[in-house]
Amino acid sequence: MQHRNGRTGALAALLCLGLAACQTLPPPSTLPLAQQQALEQRGTDGSFDGAWDTAQTFERFNDPRAVAYYERAAAITPWTFRNSKAEEALGRIWTSGTLQHADSPHINPAPVLRASWQRGERAYLAAANHGNPYAFYGLAKAYRQRGDAQQALRWDLRGMIYKRYPSSSSRLPEAVAAQGDTVHPRVAQIQRRAEHGDAEAQVDLGALLEKGVGLPRDPVRALQLYQRAGEKGNVFGQYFAGLLLGRSAPGVEKDTDAAAHWFARAEAQHFYMAAPSYWKKAVEPPFFIFSE
């Protein structure tokens, strides 16, 4: 009797393992087999376009094989700004646990992967540190959804400096407005960390001061903080120092040569928006069209 119970238990365990394995297999693709094979061949041809196009096609069909091809695209060498597109896509996919598939009766919309915050954050940060602005906003949204207001503020501020104005979802400047003579707790935390030499916090504090968010406006002090962080190798300190010198602000004279120096340091870290073709447009005066 004990022997039979043991065998039954073993069979049950094998059945459970089999079911678990089935749950991890990709769903049957609605793509014809010949097209799948052609896609996979193109996806492994060593080019960014091959990996990227294959990833996007699999994603449209809600096929988890998309992830592997986005990973291939992100790792293609030589590195270009397009690598950050693949990194941003991986951040979006892993933080949400979903693929942006087409809306079609021929595509099974059931979830095909589980969200992974660790993988998503890592991919988003890689894209952001390579200058992808969509990753700035993706990180701010993801941190907000996780209840991490301090980290969300960091990426809201970086998006604000890049675009010159805050996004509506950030609720800046009201979100960190001072209460009388008392600075907002999140601003106070940034100040403390910046004083202790934290380069990321120095960039955060510089952004607050450059735009006068939560603190009196002080572009001169902002530039000093960006440069201090930039000297430590912080790519946002380097890029924002370049932007501020290239755009100018009260107390900060326009200095294109000095700006180019900081942009070159950021570009050396694969921050693609620091390339001359991008930064020369970014420092131009904003052009507004007022409708009647």
C-alpha atoms as a PDB file:
ATOM      1  CA  MET A   1       0.000   0.000   0.000  1.00  0.00           C
ATOM      2  CA  GLN A   2       2.810   2.343   0.850  1.00  0.00           C
ATOM      3  CA  HIS A   3       4.471   1.437  -2.444  1.00  0.00           C
ATOM      4  CA  ARG A   4       1.337   2.355  -4.416  1.00  0.00           C
ATOM      5  CA  ASN A   5       0.930   5.638  -2.519  1.00  0.00           C
ATOM      6  CA  GLY A   6       4.550   6.510  -3.251  1.00  0.00           C
ATOM      7  CA  ARG A   7       4.119   5.755  -6.928  1.00  0.00           C
ATOM      8  CA  THR A   8       0.915   7.810  -7.030  1.00  0.00           C
ATOM      9  CA  GLY A   9       2.700  10.702  -5.375  1.00  0.00           C
ATOM     10  CA  ALA A  10       5.543  10.499  -7.853  1.00  0.00           C
ATOM     11  CA  LEU A  11       3.129  10.461 -10.783  1.00  0.00           C
ATOM     12  CA  ALA A  12       1.290  13.457  -9.339  1.00  0.00           C
ATOM     13  CA  ALA A  13       4.556  15.329  -8.963  1.00  0.00           C
ATOM     14  CA  LEU A  14       5.506  14.563 -12.557  1.00  0.00           C
ATOM     15  CA  LEU A  15       2.084  15.736 -13.727  1.00  0.00           C
ATOM     16  CA  CYS A  16       2.485  19.018 -11.833  1.00  0.00           C
ATOM     17  CA  LEU A  17       5.920  19.538 -13.337  1.00  0.00           C
ATOM     18  CA  GLY A  18       4.538  18.856 -16.776  1.00  0.00           C
ATOM     19  CA  LEU A  19       1.732  21.358 -16.316  1.00  0.00           C
ATOM     20  CA  ALA A  20       4.155  23.975 -15.020  1.00  0.00           C
ATOM     21  CA  ALA A  21       6.391  23.425 -18.020  1.00  0.00           C
ATOM     22  CA  CYS A  22       3.462  23.834 -20.374  1.00  0.00           C
ATOM     23  CA  GLN A  23       2.615  27.163 -18.752  1.00  0.00           C
ATOM     24  CA  THR A  24       6.061  28.523 -19.600  1.00  0.00           C
ATOM     25  CA  LEU A  25       5.981  27.534 -23.263  1.00  0.00           C
ATOM     26  CA  PRO A  26       5.153  30.248 -25.806  1.00  0.00           C
ATOM     27  CA  PRO A  27       1.620  29.986 -27.189  1.00  0.00           C
ATOM     28  CA  PRO A  28       1.193  28.637 -30.697  1.00  0.00           C
ATOM     29  CA  SER A  29       2.018  31.463 -33.106  1.00  0.00           C
ATOM     30  CA  THR A  30      -0.565  32.483 -35.685  1.00  0.00           C
ATOM     31  CA  LEU A  31       2.266  33.222 -38.078  1.00  0.00           C
ATOM     32  CA  PRO A  32       2.746  30.611 -40.814  1.00  0.00           C
ATOM     33  CA  LEU A  33       5.689  28.338 -40.072  1.00  0.00           C
ATOM     34  CA  ALA A  34       7.608  29.511 -43.145  1.00  0.00           C
ATOM     35  CA  GLN A  35       7.218  33.133 -42.040  1.00  0.00           C
ATOM     36  CA  GLN A  36       8.370  32.280 -38.515  1.00  0.00           C
ATOM     37  CA  GLN A  37      11.482  30.616 -39.888  1.00  0.00           C
ATOM     38  CA  ALA A  38      12.210  33.559 -42.181  1.00  0.00           C
ATOM     39  CA  LEU A  39      11.775  35.965 -39.270  1.00  0.00           C
ATOM     40  CA  GLU A  40      14.094  34.019 -37.005  1.00  0.00           C
ATOM     41  CA  GLN A  41      16.704  33.819 -39.735  1.00  0.00           C
ATOM     42  CA  ARG A  42      16.517  37.588 -40.260  1.00  0.00           C
ATOM     43  CA  GLY A  43      16.581  38.177 -36.506  1.00  0.00           C
ATOM     44  CA  THR A  44      19.927  36.410 -36.206  1.00  0.00           C
ATOM     45  CA  ASP A  45      21.657  38.022 -39.207  1.00  0.00           C
ATOM     46  CA  GLY A  46      23.741  40.250 -36.911  1.00  0.00           C
ATOM     47  CA  SER A  47      22.094  43.533 -37.895  1.00  0.00           C
ATOM     48  CA  PHE A  48      20.081  45.864 -35.689  1.00  0.00           C
ATOM     49  CA  ASP A  49      17.291  46.093 -38.262  1.00  0.00           C
ATOM     50  CA  GLY A  50      17.018  42.318 -38.468  1.00  0.00           C
ATOM     51  CA  ALA A  51      16.721  41.863 -34.702  1.00  0.00           C
ATOM     52  CA  TRP A  52      14.466  44.914 -34.251  1.00  0.00           C
ATOM     53  CA  ASP A  53      12.036  44.039 -37.055  1.00  0.00           C
ATOM     54  CA  THR A  54      11.798  40.443 -35.855  1.00  0.00           C
ATOM     55  CA  ALA A  55      11.141  41.576 -32.276  1.00  0.00           C
ATOM     56  CA  GLN A  56       8.420  43.986 -33.354  1.00  0.00           C
ATOM     57  CA  THR A  57       6.700  41.392 -35.525  1.00  0.00           C
ATOM     58  CA  PHE A  58       6.670  38.806 -32.741  1.00  0.00           C
ATOM     59  CA  GLU A  59       5.391  41.447 -30.316  1.00  0.00           C
ATOM     60  CA  ARG A  60       2.506  42.343 -32.627  1.00  0.00           C
ATOM     61  CA  PHE A  61       1.523  38.669 -32.550  1.00  0.00           C
ATOM     62  CA  ASN A  62       1.825  38.509 -28.733  1.00  0.00           C
ATOM     63  CA  ASP A  63       4.686  36.046 -29.055  1.00  0.00           C
ATOM     64  CA  PRO A  64       7.197  36.128 -26.148  1.00  0.00           C
ATOM     65  CA  ARG A  65      10.042  35.399 -28.552  1.00  0.00           C
ATOM     66  CA  ALA A  66       9.975  39.173 -29.072  1.00  0.00           C
ATOM     67  CA  VAL A  67      11.970  39.597 -25.856  1.00  0.00           C
ATOM     68  CA  ALA A  68      14.963  37.608 -27.099  1.00  0.00           C
ATOM     69  CA  TYR A  69      15.166  39.673 -30.279  1.00  0.00           C
ATOM     70  CA  TYR A  70      14.875  42.986 -28.423  1.00  0.00           C
ATOM     71  CA  GLU A  71      17.777  41.752 -26.292  1.00  0.00           C
ATOM     72  CA  ARG A  72      19.734  40.986 -29.449  1.00  0.00           C
ATOM     73  CA  ALA A  73      18.979  44.453 -30.819  1.00  0.00           C
ATOM     74  CA  ALA A  74      20.095  46.111 -27.571  1.00  0.00           C
ATOM     75  CA  ALA A  75      23.442  44.301 -27.735  1.00  0.00           C
ATOM     76  CA  ILE A  76      24.272  44.967 -31.408  1.00  0.00           C
ATOM     77  CA  THR A  77      27.658  46.550 -32.064  1.00  0.00           C
ATOM     78  CA  PRO A  78      28.838  49.071 -33.021  1.00  0.00           C
ATOM     79  CA  TRP A  79      26.565  50.914 -30.599  1.00  0.00           C
ATOM     80  CA  THR A  80      24.185  53.587 -31.958  1.00  0.00           C
ATOM     81  CA  PHE A  81      21.226  55.513 -30.558  1.00  0.00           C
ATOM     82  CA  ARG A  82      18.988  52.715 -31.819  1.00  0.00           C
ATOM     83  CA  ASN A  83      20.294  50.337 -29.156  1.00  0.00           C
ATOM     84  CA  SER A  84      18.523  52.519 -26.587  1.00  0.00           C
ATOM     85  CA  LYS A  85      15.224  51.961 -28.415  1.00  0.00           C
ATOM     86  CA  ALA A  86      15.525  48.242 -27.754  1.00  0.00           C
ATOM     87  CA  GLU A  87      16.516  48.883 -24.123  1.00  0.00           C
ATOM     88  CA  GLU A  88      13.459  51.097 -23.669  1.00  0.00           C
ATOM     89  CA  ALA A  89      11.208  48.435 -25.224  1.00  0.00           C
ATOM     90  CA  LEU A  90      12.561  45.844 -22.775  1.00  0.00           C
ATOM     91  CA  GLY A  91      11.930  48.224 -19.875  1.00  0.00           C
ATOM     92  CA  ARG A  92       8.332  48.708 -21.000  1.00  0.00           C
ATOM     93  CA  ILE A  93       7.721  44.986 -21.483  1.00  0.00           C
ATOM     94  CA  TRP A  94       9.240  43.765 -18.216  1.00  0.00           C
ATOM     95  CA  THR A  95       7.738  46.447 -15.964  1.00  0.00           C
ATOM     96  CA  SER A  96       4.260  45.900 -17.395  1.00  0.00           C
ATOM     97  CA  GLY A  97       4.462  42.170 -18.095  1.00  0.00           C
ATOM     98  CA  THR A  98       2.681  42.712 -21.416  1.00  0.00           C
ATOM     99  CA  LEU A  99       3.427  42.893 -25.114  1.00  0.00           C
ATOM    100  CA  GLN A 100       1.850  45.579 -27.293  1.00  0.00           C
ATOM    101  CA  HIS A 101       0.133  43.144 -29.624  1.00  0.00           C
ATOM    102  CA  ALA A 102      -2.292  43.935 -32.393  1.00  0.00           C
ATOM    103  CA  ASP A 103      -6.025  43.877 -31.672  1.00  0.00           C
ATOM    104  CA  SER A 104      -7.165  41.001 -33.844  1.00  0.00           C
ATOM    105  CA  PRO A 105      -9.463  37.980 -33.412  1.00  0.00           C
ATOM    106  CA  HIS A 106      -6.586  35.908 -34.772  1.00  0.00           C
ATOM    107  CA  ILE A 107      -4.268  36.854 -31.892  1.00  0.00           C
ATOM    108  CA  ASN A 108      -4.643  35.332 -28.438  1.00  0.00           C
ATOM    109  CA  PRO A 109      -4.508  38.289 -25.984  1.00  0.00           C
ATOM    110  CA  ALA A 110      -3.720  36.091 -22.957  1.00  0.00           C
ATOM    111  CA  PRO A 111      -0.620  37.106 -20.943  1.00  0.00           C
ATOM    112  CA  VAL A 112       2.492  35.315 -22.179  1.00  0.00           C
ATOM    113  CA  LEU A 113       5.059  36.482 -19.614  1.00  0.00           C
ATOM    114  CA  ARG A 114       5.277  37.691 -16.047  1.00  0.00           C
ATOM    115  CA  ALA A 115       6.388  41.173 -15.096  1.00  0.00           C
ATOM    116  CA  SER A 116       9.887  41.448 -13.647  1.00  0.00           C
ATOM    117  CA  TRP A 117      10.593  44.731 -11.905  1.00  0.00           C
ATOM    118  CA  GLN A 118      14.314  44.002 -11.628  1.00  0.00           C
ATOM    119  CA  ARG A 119      14.691  43.339 -15.352  1.00  0.00           C
ATOM    120  CA  GLY A 120      12.429  46.223 -16.306  1.00  0.00           C
ATOM    121  CA  GLU A 121      14.197  48.756 -14.099  1.00  0.00           C
ATOM    122  CA  ARG A 122      17.606  47.616 -15.344  1.00  0.00           C
ATOM    123  CA  ALA A 123      16.573  47.963 -19.001  1.00  0.00           C
ATOM    124  CA  TYR A 124      14.864  51.322 -18.470  1.00  0.00           C
ATOM    125  CA  LEU A 125      17.902  52.691 -16.619  1.00  0.00           C
ATOM    126  CA  ALA A 126      20.196  51.535 -19.419  1.00  0.00           C
ATOM    127  CA  ALA A 127      18.019  53.330 -21.974  1.00  0.00           C
ATOM    128  CA  ALA A 128      17.776  56.485 -19.840  1.00  0.00           C
ATOM    129  CA  ASN A 129      21.529  56.616 -19.245  1.00  0.00           C
ATOM    130  CA  HIS A 130      21.983  56.348 -22.997  1.00  0.00           C
ATOM    131  CA  GLY A 131      19.786  59.418 -23.488  1.00  0.00           C
ATOM    132  CA  ASN A 132      16.425  57.895 -24.444  1.00  0.00           C
ATOM    133  CA  PRO A 133      13.779  60.413 -23.268  1.00  0.00           C
ATOM    134  CA  TYR A 134      10.971  57.847 -23.466  1.00  0.00           C
ATOM    135  CA  ALA A 135      12.806  55.960 -20.738  1.00  0.00           C
ATOM    136  CA  PHE A 136      12.755  59.089 -18.521  1.00  0.00           C
ATOM    137  CA  TYR A 137       8.974  59.127 -18.638  1.00  0.00           C
ATOM    138  CA  GLY A 138       8.693  55.346 -18.456  1.00  0.00           C
ATOM    139  CA  LEU A 139      10.772  55.290 -15.275  1.00  0.00           C
ATOM    140  CA  ALA A 140       8.808  58.143 -13.695  1.00  0.00           C
ATOM    141  CA  LYS A 141       5.538  56.334 -14.418  1.00  0.00           C
ATOM    142  CA  ALA A 142       6.829  52.963 -13.209  1.00  0.00           C
ATOM    143  CA  TYR A 143       8.187  54.390  -9.942  1.00  0.00           C
ATOM    144  CA  ARG A 144       4.947  56.284  -9.371  1.00  0.00           C
ATOM    145  CA  GLN A 145       2.956  53.087  -9.812  1.00  0.00           C
ATOM    146  CA  ARG A 146       5.196  51.387  -7.240  1.00  0.00           C
ATOM    147  CA  GLY A 147       4.684  54.224  -4.765  1.00  0.00           C
ATOM    148  CA  ASP A 148       8.303  55.424  -4.947  1.00  0.00           C
ATOM    149  CA  ALA A 149       7.695  59.172  -5.112  1.00  0.00           C
ATOM    150  CA  GLN A 150      11.351  60.093  -4.600  1.00  0.00           C
ATOM    151  CA  GLN A 151      12.583  58.133  -7.614  1.00  0.00           C
ATOM    152  CA  ALA A 152       9.592  59.261  -9.692  1.00  0.00           C
ATOM    153  CA  LEU A 153      10.536  62.866  -8.894  1.00  0.00           C
ATOM    154  CA  ARG A 154      14.093  62.250 -10.143  1.00  0.00           C
ATOM    155  CA  TRP A 155      12.909  61.185 -13.571  1.00  0.00           C
ATOM    156  CA  ASP A 156      10.181  63.823 -13.730  1.00  0.00           C
ATOM    157  CA  LEU A 157      12.894  66.437 -13.140  1.00  0.00           C
ATOM    158  CA  ARG A 158      15.143  64.994 -15.836  1.00  0.00           C
ATOM    159  CA  GLY A 159      12.287  64.978 -18.298  1.00  0.00           C
ATOM    160  CA  MET A 160      11.536  68.583 -17.325  1.00  0.00           C
ATOM    161  CA  ILE A 161      15.087  69.784 -18.017  1.00  0.00           C
ATOM    162  CA  TYR A 162      15.174  67.946 -21.340  1.00  0.00           C
ATOM    163  CA  LYS A 163      11.845  69.376 -22.559  1.00  0.00           C
ATOM    164  CA  ARG A 164      12.159  72.741 -20.736  1.00  0.00           C
ATOM    165  CA  TYR A 165       8.833  72.224 -18.964  1.00  0.00           C
ATOM    166  CA  PRO A 166       7.307  69.562 -16.681  1.00  0.00           C
ATOM    167  CA  SER A 167       4.904  66.870 -17.834  1.00  0.00           C
ATOM    168  CA  SER A 168       1.306  67.035 -16.633  1.00  0.00           C
ATOM    169  CA  SER A 169       1.633  63.649 -14.907  1.00  0.00           C
ATOM    170  CA  SER A 170       4.497  64.970 -12.748  1.00  0.00           C
ATOM    171  CA  ARG A 171       2.268  67.629 -11.144  1.00  0.00           C
ATOM    172  CA  LEU A 172       5.328  69.860 -10.920  1.00  0.00           C
ATOM    173  CA  PRO A 173       5.945  72.399  -9.486  1.00  0.00           C
ATOM    174  CA  GLU A 174       2.952  71.963  -7.140  1.00  0.00           C
ATOM    175  CA  ALA A 175       3.974  68.417  -6.143  1.00  0.00           C
ATOM    176  CA  VAL A 176       7.025  69.678  -4.225  1.00  0.00           C
ATOM    177  CA  ALA A 177       5.990  73.237  -3.402  1.00  0.00           C
ATOM    178  CA  ALA A 178       7.342  74.680  -0.152  1.00  0.00           C
ATOM    179  CA  GLN A 179       4.976  75.061   2.793  1.00  0.00           C
ATOM    180  CA  GLY A 180       5.656  78.615   3.858  1.00  0.00           C
ATOM    181  CA  ASP A 181       9.331  78.733   4.849  1.00  0.00           C
ATOM    182  CA  THR A 182       9.596  74.924   5.015  1.00  0.00           C
ATOM    183  CA  VAL A 183      10.829  73.059   1.957  1.00  0.00           C
ATOM    184  CA  HIS A 184       8.991  69.946   0.856  1.00  0.00           C
ATOM    185  CA  PRO A 185      10.294  66.734   2.524  1.00  0.00           C
ATOM    186  CA  ARG A 186      11.373  65.247  -0.816  1.00  0.00           C
ATOM    187  CA  VAL A 187      13.314  68.396  -1.640  1.00  0.00           C
ATOM    188  CA  ALA A 188      14.929  68.349   1.809  1.00  0.00           C
ATOM    189  CA  GLN A 189      16.022  64.753   1.242  1.00  0.00           C
ATOM    190  CA  ILE A 190      17.621  65.713  -2.069  1.00  0.00           C
ATOM    191  CA  GLN A 191      19.456  68.590  -0.370  1.00  0.00           C
ATOM    192  CA  ARG A 192      20.858  66.304   2.324  1.00  0.00           C
ATOM    193  CA  ARG A 193      22.099  63.734  -0.161  1.00  0.00           C
ATOM    194  CA  ALA A 194      23.607  66.377  -2.412  1.00  0.00           C
ATOM    195  CA  GLU A 195      25.495  67.888   0.526  1.00  0.00           C
ATOM    196  CA  HIS A 196      26.974  64.455   1.241  1.00  0.00           C
ATOM    197  CA  GLY A 197      28.345  64.219  -2.293  1.00  0.00           C
ATOM    198  CA  ASP A 198      25.707  62.024  -3.967  1.00  0.00           C
ATOM    199  CA  ALA A 199      26.118  62.847  -7.676  1.00  0.00           C
ATOM    200  CA  GLU A 200      22.579  61.769  -8.606  1.00  0.00           C
ATOM    201  CA  ALA A 201      21.149  64.017  -5.880  1.00  0.00           C
ATOM    202  CA  GLN A 202      23.366  66.880  -7.052  1.00  0.00           C
ATOM    203  CA  VAL A 203      21.765  66.581 -10.490  1.00  0.00           C
ATOM    204  CA  ASP A 204      18.303  66.477  -8.882  1.00  0.00           C
ATOM    205  CA  LEU A 205      19.044  69.582  -6.817  1.00  0.00           C
ATOM    206  CA  GLY A 206      20.467  71.332  -9.861  1.00  0.00           C
ATOM    207  CA  ALA A 207      17.237  70.679 -11.764  1.00  0.00           C
ATOM    208  CA  LEU A 208      15.135  72.056  -8.898  1.00  0.00           C
ATOM    209  CA  LEU A 209      17.270  75.200  -8.740  1.00  0.00           C
ATOM    210  CA  GLU A 210      17.522  75.709 -12.499  1.00  0.00           C
ATOM    211  CA  LYS A 211      13.744  75.888 -12.857  1.00  0.00           C
ATOM    212  CA  GLY A 212      12.864  77.208  -9.398  1.00  0.00           C
ATOM    213  CA  VAL A 213      10.838  74.123  -8.467  1.00  0.00           C
ATOM    214  CA  GLY A 214      10.396  73.757  -4.703  1.00  0.00           C
ATOM    215  CA  LEU A 215      13.238  76.246  -4.145  1.00  0.00           C
ATOM    216  CA  PRO A 216      14.048  79.805  -5.259  1.00  0.00           C
ATOM    217  CA  ARG A 217      15.451  79.795  -8.783  1.00  0.00           C
ATOM    218  CA  ASP A 218      19.253  79.848  -8.956  1.00  0.00           C
ATOM    219  CA  PRO A 219      20.701  78.782 -12.348  1.00  0.00           C
ATOM    220  CA  VAL A 220      24.253  79.692 -11.262  1.00  0.00           C
ATOM    221  CA  ARG A 221      24.112  77.250  -8.364  1.00  0.00           C
ATOM    222  CA  ALA A 222      22.423  74.694 -10.638  1.00  0.00           C
ATOM    223  CA  LEU A 223      25.333  74.844 -13.076  1.00  0.00           C
ATOM    224  CA  GLN A 224      27.825  74.353 -10.255  1.00  0.00           C
ATOM    225  CA  LEU A 225      25.959  71.251  -9.106  1.00  0.00           C
ATOM    226  CA  TYR A 226      25.724  69.805 -12.622  1.00  0.00           C
ATOM    227  CA  GLN A 227      29.433  70.350 -13.141  1.00  0.00           C
ATOM    228  CA  ARG A 228      30.293  68.818  -9.788  1.00  0.00           C
ATOM    229  CA  ALA A 229      28.269  65.708 -10.643  1.00  0.00           C
ATOM    230  CA  GLY A 230      29.699  65.688 -14.170  1.00  0.00           C
ATOM    231  CA  GLU A 231      33.255  65.705 -12.868  1.00  0.00           C
ATOM    232  CA  LYS A 232      32.383  62.511 -11.004  1.00  0.00           C
ATOM    233  CA  GLY A 233      31.324  60.929 -14.294  1.00  0.00           C
ATOM    234  CA  ASN A 234      27.563  61.425 -13.932  1.00  0.00           C
ATOM    235  CA  VAL A 235      26.255  61.573 -17.490  1.00  0.00           C
ATOM    236  CA  PHE A 236      23.220  63.697 -16.599  1.00  0.00           C
ATOM    237  CA  GLY A 237      25.435  66.210 -14.821  1.00  0.00           C
ATOM    238  CA  GLN A 238      27.513  66.459 -17.996  1.00  0.00           C
ATOM    239  CA  TYR A 239      24.522  66.720 -20.327  1.00  0.00           C
ATOM    240  CA  PHE A 240      22.601  69.238 -18.219  1.00  0.00           C
ATOM    241  CA  ALA A 241      25.717  71.390 -17.758  1.00  0.00           C
ATOM    242  CA  GLY A 242      25.980  71.461 -21.544  1.00  0.00           C
ATOM    243  CA  LEU A 243      22.305  72.357 -21.950  1.00  0.00           C
ATOM    244  CA  LEU A 244      22.437  75.171 -19.403  1.00  0.00           C
ATOM    245  CA  LEU A 245      25.603  76.676 -20.901  1.00  0.00           C
ATOM    246  CA  GLY A 246      24.228  76.297 -24.414  1.00  0.00           C
ATOM    247  CA  ARG A 247      20.812  77.763 -23.622  1.00  0.00           C
ATOM    248  CA  SER A 248      21.882  80.397 -21.040  1.00  0.00           C
ATOM    249  CA  ALA A 249      19.799  81.551 -18.077  1.00  0.00           C
ATOM    250  CA  PRO A 250      19.798  84.470 -15.616  1.00  0.00           C
ATOM    251  CA  GLY A 251      23.376  84.651 -14.331  1.00  0.00           C
ATOM    252  CA  VAL A 252      24.639  82.026 -16.796  1.00  0.00           C
ATOM    253  CA  GLU A 253      25.966  83.415 -20.065  1.00  0.00           C
ATOM    254  CA  LYS A 254      25.725  81.393 -23.245  1.00  0.00           C
ATOM    255  CA  ASP A 255      29.050  79.631 -23.834  1.00  0.00           C
ATOM    256  CA  THR A 256      28.875  77.242 -26.769  1.00  0.00           C
ATOM    257  CA  ASP A 257      32.494  76.127 -26.455  1.00  0.00           C
ATOM    258  CA  ALA A 258      32.090  75.198 -22.785  1.00  0.00           C
ATOM    259  CA  ALA A 259      28.786  73.494 -23.608  1.00  0.00           C
ATOM    260  CA  ALA A 260      30.457  71.444 -26.346  1.00  0.00           C
ATOM    261  CA  HIS A 261      33.063  70.258 -23.833  1.00  0.00           C
ATOM    262  CA  TRP A 262      30.391  68.862 -21.507  1.00  0.00           C
ATOM    263  CA  PHE A 263      28.375  67.357 -24.344  1.00  0.00           C
ATOM    264  CA  ALA A 264      31.481  65.570 -25.625  1.00  0.00           C
ATOM    265  CA  ARG A 265      32.007  63.975 -22.226  1.00  0.00           C
ATOM    266  CA  ALA A 266      28.402  62.771 -22.141  1.00  0.00           C
ATOM    267  CA  GLU A 267      28.553  61.480 -25.715  1.00  0.00           C
ATOM    268  CA  ALA A 268      31.631  59.451 -24.794  1.00  0.00           C
ATOM    269  CA  GLN A 269      29.330  57.509 -22.445  1.00  0.00           C
ATOM    270  CA  HIS A 270      26.935  56.701 -25.329  1.00  0.00           C
ATOM    271  CA  PHE A 271      24.453  59.403 -24.269  1.00  0.00           C
ATOM    272  CA  TYR A 272      23.229  59.862 -27.811  1.00  0.00           C
ATOM    273  CA  MET A 273      21.432  63.197 -27.318  1.00  0.00           C
ATOM    274  CA  ALA A 274      24.822  64.738 -26.516  1.00  0.00           C
ATOM    275  CA  ALA A 275      25.949  64.259 -30.123  1.00  0.00           C
ATOM    276  CA  PRO A 276      26.324  67.577 -32.016  1.00  0.00           C
ATOM    277  CA  SER A 277      23.404  66.840 -34.352  1.00  0.00           C
ATOM    278  CA  TYR A 278      21.110  66.661 -31.298  1.00  0.00           C
ATOM    279  CA  TRP A 279      22.503  69.191 -28.842  1.00  0.00           C
ATOM    280  CA  LYS A 280      22.784  71.998 -31.381  1.00  0.00           C
ATOM    281  CA  LYS A 281      19.015  71.786 -31.841  1.00  0.00           C
ATOM    282  CA  ALA A 282      18.375  71.343 -28.116  1.00  0.00           C
ATOM    283  CA  VAL A 283      20.060  74.646 -27.224  1.00  0.00           C
ATOM    284  CA  GLU A 284      18.181  76.701 -29.804  1.00  0.00           C
ATOM    285  CA  PRO A 285      15.589  79.133 -28.375  1.00  0.00           C
ATOM    286  CA  PRO A 286      12.150  77.506 -28.043  1.00  0.00           C
ATOM    287  CA  PHE A 287       9.736  78.352 -30.809  1.00  0.00           C
ATOM    288  CA  PHE A 288       6.153  78.881 -29.733  1.00  0.00           C
ATOM    289  CA  ILE A 289       3.145  79.325 -31.993  1.00  0.00           C
ATOM    290  CA  PHE A 290       0.251  81.120 -30.366  1.00  0.00           C
ATOM    291  CA  SER A 291      -3.143  80.418 -31.906  1.00  0.00           C
ATOM    292  CA  GLU A 292      -5.780  83.123 -31.976  1.00  0.00           C
END
